[in-house]
Amino acid sequence: MSGLLRGLARIRSTAAMQGTSLTQRANITTKPAKHLMGPAETTVGLAVFSVAILVPSGWVLSNLESYKKRQ
């Protein structure tokens, strides 16, 4: 197993030394937003994202015992 990892590391290091790198650029704009968002839209957006993250994790945690019992 360690021989395999050494081989993969060697392949990766030779590719890095050949100069095959990608240049990444960030798209940065300095213009103001076209449409201003109000506090109600911001609140709804944050609430939707919070629910989208917390509900599935809460479901898994509340049913954790039944997941452990499956064979």
N, C-alpha and C. Protein backbone atom coordinates (compact mmCIF):
# COMPACT_ATOMS: atom_id res chain seq x y z
N MET A 1 0.82 -1.19 0.00
CA MET A 1 0.00 0.00 0.00
C MET A 1 0.87 1.25 0.00
N SER A 2 1.94 1.24 0.79
CA SER A 2 2.79 2.43 0.84
C SER A 2 3.52 2.64 -0.48
N GLY A 3 3.83 1.54 -1.18
CA GLY A 3 4.45 1.67 -2.50
C GLY A 3 3.53 2.35 -3.49
N LEU A 4 2.24 2.02 -3.40
CA LEU A 4 1.26 2.66 -4.26
C LEU A 4 1.18 4.16 -3.98
N LEU A 5 1.17 4.51 -2.70
CA LEU A 5 1.11 5.92 -2.34
C LEU A 5 2.35 6.67 -2.79
N ARG A 6 3.53 6.01 -2.68
CA ARG A 6 4.76 6.66 -3.13
C ARG A 6 4.72 6.88 -4.64
N GLY A 7 4.19 5.90 -5.37
CA GLY A 7 4.07 6.04 -6.82
C GLY A 7 3.14 7.17 -7.21
N LEU A 8 2.01 7.29 -6.52
CA LEU A 8 1.08 8.38 -6.80
C LEU A 8 1.70 9.72 -6.47
N ALA A 9 2.43 9.80 -5.37
CA ALA A 9 3.09 11.05 -4.99
C ALA A 9 4.14 11.43 -6.02
N ARG A 10 4.86 10.45 -6.55
CA ARG A 10 5.89 10.72 -7.55
C ARG A 10 5.26 11.25 -8.84
N ILE A 11 4.15 10.64 -9.25
CA ILE A 11 3.47 11.09 -10.47
C ILE A 11 2.96 12.51 -10.29
N ARG A 12 2.41 12.78 -9.13
CA ARG A 12 1.89 14.12 -8.87
C ARG A 12 2.98 15.17 -8.81
N SER A 13 4.11 14.82 -8.21
CA SER A 13 5.18 15.81 -8.08
C SER A 13 5.82 16.10 -9.44
N THR A 14 5.93 15.10 -10.32
CA THR A 14 6.50 15.38 -11.64
C THR A 14 5.57 16.24 -12.47
N ALA A 15 4.26 16.05 -12.34
CA ALA A 15 3.32 16.89 -13.07
C ALA A 15 3.38 18.33 -12.56
N ALA A 16 3.60 18.50 -11.28
CA ALA A 16 3.69 19.85 -10.71
C ALA A 16 4.96 20.55 -11.16
N MET A 17 6.03 19.80 -11.34
CA MET A 17 7.30 20.40 -11.75
C MET A 17 7.32 20.76 -13.23
N GLN A 18 6.44 20.18 -14.02
CA GLN A 18 6.41 20.49 -15.45
C GLN A 18 5.75 21.82 -15.73
N GLY A 19 5.12 22.42 -14.76
CA GLY A 19 4.53 23.73 -14.94
C GLY A 19 3.12 23.69 -15.51
N THR A 20 2.40 22.63 -15.30
CA THR A 20 1.02 22.55 -15.78
C THR A 20 0.10 23.08 -14.69
N SER A 21 0.12 24.37 -14.52
CA SER A 21 -0.73 24.97 -13.50
C SER A 21 -1.75 25.87 -14.17
N LEU A 22 -2.89 26.00 -13.54
CA LEU A 22 -3.95 26.84 -14.04
C LEU A 22 -3.92 28.17 -13.33
N THR A 23 -4.18 29.22 -14.08
CA THR A 23 -4.25 30.54 -13.48
C THR A 23 -5.70 30.82 -13.13
N GLN A 24 -5.94 31.14 -11.88
CA GLN A 24 -7.29 31.41 -11.44
C GLN A 24 -7.47 32.91 -11.30
N ARG A 25 -8.60 33.39 -11.77
CA ARG A 25 -8.90 34.80 -11.65
C ARG A 25 -10.26 34.97 -10.98
N ALA A 26 -10.33 35.96 -10.15
CA ALA A 26 -11.60 36.25 -9.48
C ALA A 26 -12.33 37.34 -10.26
N ASN A 27 -13.63 37.18 -10.39
CA ASN A 27 -14.44 38.20 -11.04
C ASN A 27 -14.88 39.20 -10.00
N ILE A 28 -14.21 40.32 -9.95
CA ILE A 28 -14.50 41.34 -8.95
C ILE A 28 -15.10 42.54 -9.66
N THR A 29 -16.26 42.97 -9.21
CA THR A 29 -16.89 44.15 -9.78
C THR A 29 -17.02 45.21 -8.70
N THR A 30 -16.94 46.44 -9.12
CA THR A 30 -17.04 47.54 -8.16
C THR A 30 -18.31 48.35 -8.36
N LYS A 31 -19.20 47.86 -9.19
CA LYS A 31 -20.44 48.57 -9.45
C LYS A 31 -21.45 48.28 -8.34
N PRO A 32 -22.35 49.20 -8.07
CA PRO A 32 -23.40 48.91 -7.09
C PRO A 32 -24.39 47.89 -7.66
N ALA A 33 -25.14 47.27 -6.79
CA ALA A 33 -26.11 46.26 -7.21
C ALA A 33 -27.20 46.88 -8.08
N LYS A 34 -27.68 46.09 -9.05
CA LYS A 34 -28.74 46.59 -9.93
C LYS A 34 -30.07 46.70 -9.20
N HIS A 35 -30.36 45.71 -8.36
CA HIS A 35 -31.62 45.69 -7.61
C HIS A 35 -31.28 45.58 -6.13
N LEU A 36 -31.72 46.55 -5.36
CA LEU A 36 -31.47 46.51 -3.93
C LEU A 36 -32.41 45.53 -3.26
N MET A 37 -31.89 44.78 -2.31
CA MET A 37 -32.71 43.84 -1.56
C MET A 37 -33.09 44.46 -0.23
N GLY A 38 -34.34 44.34 0.10
CA GLY A 38 -34.83 44.91 1.35
C GLY A 38 -34.60 43.96 2.51
N PRO A 39 -34.90 44.43 3.71
CA PRO A 39 -34.70 43.59 4.90
C PRO A 39 -35.62 42.37 4.91
N ALA A 40 -36.80 42.45 4.33
CA ALA A 40 -37.71 41.31 4.30
C ALA A 40 -37.16 40.20 3.41
N GLU A 41 -36.63 40.57 2.24
CA GLU A 41 -36.05 39.58 1.34
C GLU A 41 -34.82 38.93 1.95
N THR A 42 -34.02 39.73 2.64
CA THR A 42 -32.83 39.19 3.30
C THR A 42 -33.21 38.21 4.39
N THR A 43 -34.22 38.55 5.18
CA THR A 43 -34.68 37.68 6.25
C THR A 43 -35.23 36.37 5.71
N VAL A 44 -36.02 36.45 4.65
CA VAL A 44 -36.57 35.24 4.04
C VAL A 44 -35.46 34.37 3.48
N GLY A 45 -34.49 34.96 2.83
CA GLY A 45 -33.38 34.20 2.27
C GLY A 45 -32.57 33.50 3.34
N LEU A 46 -32.26 34.19 4.42
CA LEU A 46 -31.51 33.57 5.52
C LEU A 46 -32.32 32.46 6.19
N ALA A 47 -33.63 32.67 6.31
CA ALA A 47 -34.47 31.64 6.92
C ALA A 47 -34.52 30.39 6.06
N VAL A 48 -34.62 30.56 4.74
CA VAL A 48 -34.67 29.41 3.84
C VAL A 48 -33.37 28.63 3.89
N PHE A 49 -32.24 29.33 3.87
CA PHE A 49 -30.96 28.63 3.95
C PHE A 49 -30.79 27.93 5.28
N SER A 50 -31.21 28.54 6.37
CA SER A 50 -31.10 27.91 7.68
C SER A 50 -31.95 26.65 7.75
N VAL A 51 -33.18 26.73 7.25
CA VAL A 51 -34.05 25.56 7.27
C VAL A 51 -33.48 24.45 6.38
N ALA A 52 -32.93 24.83 5.23
CA ALA A 52 -32.38 23.84 4.31
C ALA A 52 -31.19 23.10 4.91
N ILE A 53 -30.48 23.73 5.80
CA ILE A 53 -29.32 23.09 6.44
C ILE A 53 -29.74 22.35 7.71
N LEU A 54 -30.58 22.96 8.53
CA LEU A 54 -30.88 22.40 9.84
C LEU A 54 -31.91 21.27 9.82
N VAL A 55 -32.87 21.29 8.93
CA VAL A 55 -33.92 20.26 8.92
C VAL A 55 -33.35 18.88 8.58
N PRO A 56 -32.55 18.72 7.52
CA PRO A 56 -32.01 17.38 7.26
C PRO A 56 -31.08 16.87 8.36
N SER A 57 -30.26 17.74 8.92
CA SER A 57 -29.39 17.28 10.00
C SER A 57 -30.20 16.95 11.25
N GLY A 58 -31.25 17.69 11.52
CA GLY A 58 -32.12 17.36 12.65
C GLY A 58 -32.84 16.05 12.45
N TRP A 59 -33.25 15.77 11.21
CA TRP A 59 -33.90 14.50 10.89
C TRP A 59 -32.97 13.33 11.17
N VAL A 60 -31.73 13.45 10.72
CA VAL A 60 -30.76 12.37 10.93
C VAL A 60 -30.50 12.18 12.42
N LEU A 61 -30.32 13.26 13.15
CA LEU A 61 -30.04 13.14 14.58
C LEU A 61 -31.23 12.58 15.35
N SER A 62 -32.45 12.93 14.95
CA SER A 62 -33.61 12.42 15.68
C SER A 62 -33.87 10.94 15.36
N ASN A 63 -33.44 10.46 14.22
CA ASN A 63 -33.63 9.06 13.84
C ASN A 63 -32.35 8.24 13.93
N LEU A 64 -31.40 8.71 14.69
CA LEU A 64 -30.10 8.05 14.77
C LEU A 64 -30.20 6.64 15.33
N GLU A 65 -31.06 6.42 16.30
CA GLU A 65 -31.20 5.09 16.89
C GLU A 65 -31.75 4.09 15.88
N SER A 66 -32.70 4.51 15.06
CA SER A 66 -33.24 3.59 14.06
C SER A 66 -32.20 3.28 12.98
N TYR A 67 -31.30 4.22 12.69
CA TYR A 67 -30.24 3.95 11.72
C TYR A 67 -29.23 2.95 12.29
N LYS A 68 -29.01 2.99 13.59
CA LYS A 68 -28.07 2.06 14.23
C LYS A 68 -28.62 0.63 14.23
N LYS A 69 -29.96 0.48 14.31
CA LYS A 69 -30.57 -0.84 14.43
C LYS A 69 -30.66 -1.57 13.10
N ARG A 70 -30.50 -0.89 11.98
CA ARG A 70 -30.60 -1.55 10.68
C ARG A 70 -29.48 -2.55 10.50
N GLN A 71 -29.82 -3.69 9.87
CA GLN A 71 -28.81 -4.73 9.69
C GLN A 71 -28.55 -4.99 8.24
